[in-house]
Amino acid sequence: MRRQIKENIFEIAQAAAKIVGTKVTVTLGQQAPKPALNQLLKESPISEDDLLEKAKREPVVKSFLDVFPGPVKAEKIDS
């Protein structure tokens, strides 16, 4: 996901600027590594609805959804 955002950061900034009506600078910050989703799922099984709600509370996901609202679907990814 980070790679896709980085590749499209200019378009994301343009879309955000159009929405808020002023220039927007989009930057990607470094975050501390988090446990892999698969590891979290192994430790405590979570329903897809719970997983979606948990994802929506993540700051990066929340800010993205604030700018680009729309239907969201949670999927379990097996590696």
PDB file of N, CA and C in Angstrom:
ATOM      1  N   MET A   1       0.841  -1.180   0.000  1.00  0.00           N
ATOM      2  CA  MET A   1       0.000   0.000   0.000  1.00  0.00           C
ATOM      3  C   MET A   1       0.890   1.249   0.000  1.00  0.00           C
ATOM      4  N   ARG A   2       1.954   1.203   0.784  1.00  0.00           N
ATOM      5  CA  ARG A   2       2.855   2.351   0.871  1.00  0.00           C
ATOM      6  C   ARG A   2       3.461   2.686  -0.488  1.00  0.00           C
ATOM      7  N   ARG A   3       3.832   1.649  -1.251  1.00  0.00           N
ATOM      8  CA  ARG A   3       4.418   1.850  -2.574  1.00  0.00           C
ATOM      9  C   ARG A   3       3.399   2.519  -3.496  1.00  0.00           C
ATOM     10  N   GLN A   4       2.149   2.082  -3.449  1.00  0.00           N
ATOM     11  CA  GLN A   4       1.113   2.662  -4.302  1.00  0.00           C
ATOM     12  C   GLN A   4       0.884   4.126  -3.952  1.00  0.00           C
ATOM     13  N   ILE A   5       0.881   4.442  -2.680  1.00  0.00           N
ATOM     14  CA  ILE A   5       0.696   5.836  -2.268  1.00  0.00           C
ATOM     15  C   ILE A   5       1.865   6.669  -2.759  1.00  0.00           C
ATOM     16  N   LYS A   6       3.093   6.141  -2.580  1.00  0.00           N
ATOM     17  CA  LYS A   6       4.283   6.875  -3.005  1.00  0.00           C
ATOM     18  C   LYS A   6       4.261   7.132  -4.510  1.00  0.00           C
ATOM     19  N   GLU A   7       3.851   6.125  -5.286  1.00  0.00           N
ATOM     20  CA  GLU A   7       3.791   6.274  -6.742  1.00  0.00           C
ATOM     21  C   GLU A   7       2.732   7.285  -7.189  1.00  0.00           C
ATOM     22  N   ASN A   8       1.706   7.474  -6.372  1.00  0.00           N
ATOM     23  CA  ASN A   8       0.590   8.350  -6.738  1.00  0.00           C
ATOM     24  C   ASN A   8       0.466   9.569  -5.835  1.00  0.00           C
ATOM     25  N   ILE A   9       1.545   9.921  -5.164  1.00  0.00           N
ATOM     26  CA  ILE A   9       1.473  10.991  -4.159  1.00  0.00           C
ATOM     27  C   ILE A   9       1.072  12.341  -4.779  1.00  0.00           C
ATOM     28  N   PHE A  10       1.525  12.609  -5.987  1.00  0.00           N
ATOM     29  CA  PHE A  10       1.172  13.872  -6.637  1.00  0.00           C
ATOM     30  C   PHE A  10      -0.333  13.939  -6.890  1.00  0.00           C
ATOM     31  N   GLU A  11      -0.905  12.853  -7.413  1.00  0.00           N
ATOM     32  CA  GLU A  11      -2.343  12.818  -7.693  1.00  0.00           C
ATOM     33  C   GLU A  11      -3.156  12.886  -6.403  1.00  0.00           C
ATOM     34  N   ILE A  12      -2.669  12.244  -5.358  1.00  0.00           N
ATOM     35  CA  ILE A  12      -3.350  12.294  -4.063  1.00  0.00           C
ATOM     36  C   ILE A  12      -3.354  13.727  -3.538  1.00  0.00           C
ATOM     37  N   ALA A  13      -2.217  14.401  -3.631  1.00  0.00           N
ATOM     38  CA  ALA A  13      -2.130  15.797  -3.178  1.00  0.00           C
ATOM     39  C   ALA A  13      -3.066  16.694  -3.990  1.00  0.00           C
ATOM     40  N   GLN A  14      -3.124  16.484  -5.305  1.00  0.00           N
ATOM     41  CA  GLN A  14      -4.024  17.281  -6.147  1.00  0.00           C
ATOM     42  C   GLN A  14      -5.480  17.058  -5.753  1.00  0.00           C
ATOM     43  N   ALA A  15      -5.870  15.808  -5.539  1.00  0.00           N
ATOM     44  CA  ALA A  15      -7.248  15.505  -5.168  1.00  0.00           C
ATOM     45  C   ALA A  15      -7.589  16.107  -3.812  1.00  0.00           C
ATOM     46  N   ALA A  16      -6.667  15.993  -2.861  1.00  0.00           N
ATOM     47  CA  ALA A  16      -6.897  16.559  -1.532  1.00  0.00           C
ATOM     48  C   ALA A  16      -7.008  18.079  -1.613  1.00  0.00           C
ATOM     49  N   ALA A  17      -6.158  18.721  -2.414  1.00  0.00           N
ATOM     50  CA  ALA A  17      -6.203  20.177  -2.568  1.00  0.00           C
ATOM     51  C   ALA A  17      -7.532  20.620  -3.178  1.00  0.00           C
ATOM     52  N   LYS A  18      -8.026  19.845  -4.119  1.00  0.00           N
ATOM     53  CA  LYS A  18      -9.312  20.174  -4.740  1.00  0.00           C
ATOM     54  C   LYS A  18     -10.442  20.107  -3.716  1.00  0.00           C
ATOM     55  N   ILE A  19     -10.354  19.131  -2.816  1.00  0.00           N
ATOM     56  CA  ILE A  19     -11.395  18.960  -1.804  1.00  0.00           C
ATOM     57  C   ILE A  19     -11.348  20.071  -0.767  1.00  0.00           C
ATOM     58  N   VAL A  20     -10.152  20.387  -0.255  1.00  0.00           N
ATOM     59  CA  VAL A  20     -10.050  21.378   0.823  1.00  0.00           C
ATOM     60  C   VAL A  20      -9.925  22.802   0.321  1.00  0.00           C
ATOM     61  N   GLY A  21      -9.648  22.979  -0.975  1.00  0.00           N
ATOM     62  CA  GLY A  21      -9.624  24.319  -1.542  1.00  0.00           C
ATOM     63  C   GLY A  21      -8.327  25.074  -1.337  1.00  0.00           C
ATOM     64  N   THR A  22      -7.269  24.406  -0.967  1.00  0.00           N
ATOM     65  CA  THR A  22      -5.965  25.046  -0.802  1.00  0.00           C
ATOM     66  C   THR A  22      -4.885  24.005  -1.063  1.00  0.00           C
ATOM     67  N   LYS A  23      -3.656  24.479  -1.268  1.00  0.00           N
ATOM     68  CA  LYS A  23      -2.557  23.559  -1.552  1.00  0.00           C
ATOM     69  C   LYS A  23      -2.365  22.587  -0.387  1.00  0.00           C
ATOM     70  N   VAL A  24      -2.146  21.317  -0.718  1.00  0.00           N
ATOM     71  CA  VAL A  24      -1.930  20.287   0.291  1.00  0.00           C
ATOM     72  C   VAL A  24      -0.612  19.598  -0.012  1.00  0.00           C
ATOM     73  N   THR A  25       0.197  19.423   1.002  1.00  0.00           N
ATOM     74  CA  THR A  25       1.438  18.677   0.861  1.00  0.00           C
ATOM     75  C   THR A  25       1.252  17.327   1.521  1.00  0.00           C
ATOM     76  N   VAL A  26       1.491  16.274   0.759  1.00  0.00           N
ATOM     77  CA  VAL A  26       1.348  14.915   1.262  1.00  0.00           C
ATOM     78  C   VAL A  26       2.737  14.340   1.471  1.00  0.00           C
ATOM     79  N   THR A  27       2.981  13.838   2.668  1.00  0.00           N
ATOM     80  CA  THR A  27       4.270  13.214   2.962  1.00  0.00           C
ATOM     81  C   THR A  27       4.030  11.853   3.607  1.00  0.00           C
ATOM     82  N   LEU A  28       4.963  10.981   3.402  1.00  0.00           N
ATOM     83  CA  LEU A  28       4.922   9.666   4.046  1.00  0.00           C
ATOM     84  C   LEU A  28       5.936   9.676   5.171  1.00  0.00           C
ATOM     85  N   GLY A  29       5.483   9.373   6.363  1.00  0.00           N
ATOM     86  CA  GLY A  29       6.382   9.319   7.502  1.00  0.00           C
ATOM     87  C   GLY A  29       6.797   7.896   7.794  1.00  0.00           C
ATOM     88  N   GLN A  30       7.829   7.758   8.569  1.00  0.00           N
ATOM     89  CA  GLN A  30       8.281   6.439   8.985  1.00  0.00           C
ATOM     90  C   GLN A  30       7.517   6.035  10.226  1.00  0.00           C
ATOM     91  N   GLN A  31       7.077   4.803  10.256  1.00  0.00           N
ATOM     92  CA  GLN A  31       6.377   4.282  11.418  1.00  0.00           C
ATOM     93  C   GLN A  31       7.168   3.118  11.982  1.00  0.00           C
ATOM     94  N   ALA A  32       7.016   2.917  13.260  1.00  0.00           N
ATOM     95  CA  ALA A  32       7.641   1.759  13.887  1.00  0.00           C
ATOM     96  C   ALA A  32       7.006   0.505  13.300  1.00  0.00           C
ATOM     97  N   PRO A  33       7.802  -0.531  13.076  1.00  0.00           N
ATOM     98  CA  PRO A  33       7.232  -1.762  12.530  1.00  0.00           C
ATOM     99  C   PRO A  33       6.146  -2.307  13.435  1.00  0.00           C
ATOM    100  N   LYS A  34       5.075  -2.762  12.817  1.00  0.00           N
ATOM    101  CA  LYS A  34       3.961  -3.358  13.553  1.00  0.00           C
ATOM    102  C   LYS A  34       3.927  -4.840  13.227  1.00  0.00           C
ATOM    103  N   PRO A  35       3.366  -5.638  14.112  1.00  0.00           N
ATOM    104  CA  PRO A  35       3.249  -7.059  13.807  1.00  0.00           C
ATOM    105  C   PRO A  35       2.439  -7.255  12.528  1.00  0.00           C
ATOM    106  N   ALA A  36       2.818  -8.225  11.754  1.00  0.00           N
ATOM    107  CA  ALA A  36       2.107  -8.522  10.514  1.00  0.00           C
ATOM    108  C   ALA A  36       0.666  -8.893  10.824  1.00  0.00           C
ATOM    109  N   LEU A  37      -0.229  -8.532   9.917  1.00  0.00           N
ATOM    110  CA  LEU A  37      -1.651  -8.821  10.099  1.00  0.00           C
ATOM    111  C   LEU A  37      -1.867 -10.320  10.300  1.00  0.00           C
ATOM    112  N   ASN A  38      -1.161 -11.133   9.518  1.00  0.00           N
ATOM    113  CA  ASN A  38      -1.325 -12.580   9.661  1.00  0.00           C
ATOM    114  C   ASN A  38      -0.952 -13.037  11.067  1.00  0.00           C
ATOM    115  N   GLN A  39       0.091 -12.466  11.635  1.00  0.00           N
ATOM    116  CA  GLN A  39       0.491 -12.828  12.994  1.00  0.00           C
ATOM    117  C   GLN A  39      -0.598 -12.426  13.985  1.00  0.00           C
ATOM    118  N   LEU A  40      -1.182 -11.255  13.813  1.00  0.00           N
ATOM    119  CA  LEU A  40      -2.255 -10.814  14.699  1.00  0.00           C
ATOM    120  C   LEU A  40      -3.454 -11.748  14.590  1.00  0.00           C
ATOM    121  N   LEU A  41      -3.767 -12.176  13.369  1.00  0.00           N
ATOM    122  CA  LEU A  41      -4.907 -13.060  13.177  1.00  0.00           C
ATOM    123  C   LEU A  41      -4.662 -14.426  13.801  1.00  0.00           C
ATOM    124  N   LYS A  42      -3.422 -14.900  13.774  1.00  0.00           N
ATOM    125  CA  LYS A  42      -3.096 -16.185  14.382  1.00  0.00           C
ATOM    126  C   LYS A  42      -3.230 -16.119  15.898  1.00  0.00           C
ATOM    127  N   GLU A  43      -2.844 -14.971  16.466  1.00  0.00           N
ATOM    128  CA  GLU A  43      -2.879 -14.813  17.915  1.00  0.00           C
ATOM    129  C   GLU A  43      -4.307 -14.718  18.437  1.00  0.00           C
ATOM    130  N   SER A  44      -5.150 -13.982  17.752  1.00  0.00           N
ATOM    131  CA  SER A  44      -6.532 -13.835  18.193  1.00  0.00           C
ATOM    132  C   SER A  44      -7.429 -13.705  16.970  1.00  0.00           C
ATOM    133  N   PRO A  45      -8.213 -14.729  16.692  1.00  0.00           N
ATOM    134  CA  PRO A  45      -9.094 -14.673  15.515  1.00  0.00           C
ATOM    135  C   PRO A  45     -10.029 -13.469  15.598  1.00  0.00           C
ATOM    136  N   ILE A  46     -10.119 -12.732  14.519  1.00  0.00           N
ATOM    137  CA  ILE A  46     -10.946 -11.530  14.456  1.00  0.00           C
ATOM    138  C   ILE A  46     -11.896 -11.693  13.272  1.00  0.00           C
ATOM    139  N   SER A  47     -13.146 -11.348  13.467  1.00  0.00           N
ATOM    140  CA  SER A  47     -14.094 -11.412  12.355  1.00  0.00           C
ATOM    141  C   SER A  47     -13.748 -10.312  11.350  1.00  0.00           C
ATOM    142  N   GLU A  48     -14.232 -10.469  10.109  1.00  0.00           N
ATOM    143  CA  GLU A  48     -13.951  -9.467   9.086  1.00  0.00           C
ATOM    144  C   GLU A  48     -14.527  -8.109   9.466  1.00  0.00           C
ATOM    145  N   ASP A  49     -15.691  -8.080  10.122  1.00  0.00           N
ATOM    146  CA  ASP A  49     -16.280  -6.808  10.556  1.00  0.00           C
ATOM    147  C   ASP A  49     -15.400  -6.144  11.605  1.00  0.00           C
ATOM    148  N   ASP A  50     -14.901  -6.940  12.571  1.00  0.00           N
ATOM    149  CA  ASP A  50     -14.008  -6.392  13.595  1.00  0.00           C
ATOM    150  C   ASP A  50     -12.710  -5.901  12.967  1.00  0.00           C
ATOM    151  N   LEU A  51     -12.210  -6.662  11.993  1.00  0.00           N
ATOM    152  CA  LEU A  51     -10.974  -6.286  11.314  1.00  0.00           C
ATOM    153  C   LEU A  51     -11.150  -4.962  10.583  1.00  0.00           C
ATOM    154  N   LEU A  52     -12.277  -4.798   9.911  1.00  0.00           N
ATOM    155  CA  LEU A  52     -12.556  -3.561   9.194  1.00  0.00           C
ATOM    156  C   LEU A  52     -12.639  -2.386  10.160  1.00  0.00           C
ATOM    157  N   GLU A  53     -13.335  -2.561  11.270  1.00  0.00           N
ATOM    158  CA  GLU A  53     -13.447  -1.480  12.255  1.00  0.00           C
ATOM    159  C   GLU A  53     -12.080  -1.132  12.844  1.00  0.00           C
ATOM    160  N   LYS A  54     -11.265  -2.139  13.101  1.00  0.00           N
ATOM    161  CA  LYS A  54      -9.920  -1.894  13.627  1.00  0.00           C
ATOM    162  C   LYS A  54      -9.084  -1.132  12.598  1.00  0.00           C
ATOM    163  N   ALA A  55      -9.177  -1.516  11.340  1.00  0.00           N
ATOM    164  CA  ALA A  55      -8.434  -0.832  10.280  1.00  0.00           C
ATOM    165  C   ALA A  55      -8.876   0.626  10.152  1.00  0.00           C
ATOM    166  N   LYS A  56     -10.183   0.868  10.258  1.00  0.00           N
ATOM    167  CA  LYS A  56     -10.693   2.237  10.131  1.00  0.00           C
ATOM    168  C   LYS A  56     -10.204   3.145  11.260  1.00  0.00           C
ATOM    169  N   ARG A  57      -9.772   2.571  12.381  1.00  0.00           N
ATOM    170  CA  ARG A  57      -9.255   3.382  13.494  1.00  0.00           C
ATOM    171  C   ARG A  57      -7.773   3.706  13.344  1.00  0.00           C
ATOM    172  N   GLU A  58      -7.088   3.039  12.414  1.00  0.00           N
ATOM    173  CA  GLU A  58      -5.676   3.335  12.178  1.00  0.00           C
ATOM    174  C   GLU A  58      -5.562   4.745  11.588  1.00  0.00           C
ATOM    175  N   PRO A  59      -4.651   5.565  12.099  1.00  0.00           N
ATOM    176  CA  PRO A  59      -4.550   6.958  11.625  1.00  0.00           C
ATOM    177  C   PRO A  59      -4.367   7.093  10.112  1.00  0.00           C
ATOM    178  N   VAL A  60      -3.546   6.261   9.504  1.00  0.00           N
ATOM    179  CA  VAL A  60      -3.309   6.365   8.061  1.00  0.00           C
ATOM    180  C   VAL A  60      -4.572   6.021   7.287  1.00  0.00           C
ATOM    181  N   VAL A  61      -5.246   4.956   7.688  1.00  0.00           N
ATOM    182  CA  VAL A  61      -6.475   4.539   7.005  1.00  0.00           C
ATOM    183  C   VAL A  61      -7.557   5.586   7.225  1.00  0.00           C
ATOM    184  N   LYS A  62      -7.687   6.074   8.452  1.00  0.00           N
ATOM    185  CA  LYS A  62      -8.704   7.081   8.768  1.00  0.00           C
ATOM    186  C   LYS A  62      -8.514   8.344   7.927  1.00  0.00           C
ATOM    187  N   SER A  63      -7.286   8.845   7.843  1.00  0.00           N
ATOM    188  CA  SER A  63      -7.055  10.071   7.073  1.00  0.00           C
ATOM    189  C   SER A  63      -7.306   9.827   5.582  1.00  0.00           C
ATOM    190  N   PHE A  64      -6.945   8.649   5.084  1.00  0.00           N
ATOM    191  CA  PHE A  64      -7.205   8.330   3.688  1.00  0.00           C
ATOM    192  C   PHE A  64      -8.703   8.298   3.414  1.00  0.00           C
ATOM    193  N   LEU A  65      -9.468   7.650   4.307  1.00  0.00           N
ATOM    194  CA  LEU A  65     -10.916   7.563   4.124  1.00  0.00           C
ATOM    195  C   LEU A  65     -11.598   8.916   4.297  1.00  0.00           C
ATOM    196  N   ASP A  66     -11.004   9.807   5.099  1.00  0.00           N
ATOM    197  CA  ASP A  66     -11.563  11.156   5.231  1.00  0.00           C
ATOM    198  C   ASP A  66     -11.486  11.896   3.898  1.00  0.00           C
ATOM    199  N   VAL A  67     -10.412  11.671   3.148  1.00  0.00           N
ATOM    200  CA  VAL A  67     -10.216  12.352   1.867  1.00  0.00           C
ATOM    201  C   VAL A  67     -10.910  11.607   0.733  1.00  0.00           C
ATOM    202  N   PHE A  68     -10.867  10.275   0.783  1.00  0.00           N
ATOM    203  CA  PHE A  68     -11.426   9.457  -0.285  1.00  0.00           C
ATOM    204  C   PHE A  68     -12.493   8.515   0.279  1.00  0.00           C
ATOM    205  N   PRO A  69     -13.664   9.054   0.622  1.00  0.00           N
ATOM    206  CA  PRO A  69     -14.711   8.202   1.189  1.00  0.00           C
ATOM    207  C   PRO A  69     -15.265   7.256   0.124  1.00  0.00           C
ATOM    208  N   GLY A  70     -15.757   6.171   0.573  1.00  0.00           N
ATOM    209  CA  GLY A  70     -16.364   5.214  -0.340  1.00  0.00           C
ATOM    210  C   GLY A  70     -16.484   3.872   0.340  1.00  0.00           C
ATOM    211  N   PRO A  71     -17.050   2.915  -0.357  1.00  0.00           N
ATOM    212  CA  PRO A  71     -17.203   1.595   0.245  1.00  0.00           C
ATOM    213  C   PRO A  71     -15.849   0.956   0.520  1.00  0.00           C
ATOM    214  N   VAL A  72     -15.760   0.277   1.639  1.00  0.00           N
ATOM    215  CA  VAL A  72     -14.510  -0.369   2.041  1.00  0.00           C
ATOM    216  C   VAL A  72     -14.818  -1.820   2.378  1.00  0.00           C
ATOM    217  N   LYS A  73     -13.929  -2.686   1.963  1.00  0.00           N
ATOM    218  CA  LYS A  73     -14.099  -4.109   2.202  1.00  0.00           C
ATOM    219  C   LYS A  73     -12.820  -4.631   2.863  1.00  0.00           C
ATOM    220  N   ALA A  74     -12.966  -5.423   3.912  1.00  0.00           N
ATOM    221  CA  ALA A  74     -11.812  -6.016   4.581  1.00  0.00           C
ATOM    222  C   ALA A  74     -11.626  -7.426   4.053  1.00  0.00           C
ATOM    223  N   GLU A  75     -10.379  -7.776   3.770  1.00  0.00           N
ATOM    224  CA  GLU A  75     -10.066  -9.113   3.324  1.00  0.00           C
ATOM    225  C   GLU A  75      -8.898  -9.655   4.116  1.00  0.00           C
ATOM    226  N   LYS A  76      -8.977 -10.931   4.464  1.00  0.00           N
ATOM    227  CA  LYS A  76      -7.860 -11.578   5.127  1.00  0.00           C
ATOM    228  C   LYS A  76      -6.857 -11.969   4.048  1.00  0.00           C
ATOM    229  N   ILE A  77      -5.589 -11.617   4.253  1.00  0.00           N
ATOM    230  CA  ILE A  77      -4.534 -11.916   3.283  1.00  0.00           C
ATOM    231  C   ILE A  77      -3.663 -13.022   3.849  1.00  0.00           C
ATOM    232  N   ASP A  78      -3.558 -14.119   3.107  1.00  0.00           N
ATOM    233  CA  ASP A  78      -2.687 -15.222   3.519  1.00  0.00           C
ATOM    234  C   ASP A  78      -1.365 -15.074   2.788  1.00  0.00           C
ATOM    235  N   SER A  79      -0.281 -15.309   3.531  1.00  0.00           N
ATOM    236  CA  SER A  79       1.023 -15.226   2.870  1.00  0.00           C
ATOM    237  C   SER A  79       1.639 -16.581   2.710  1.00  0.00           C
TER     238      SER A  79
END
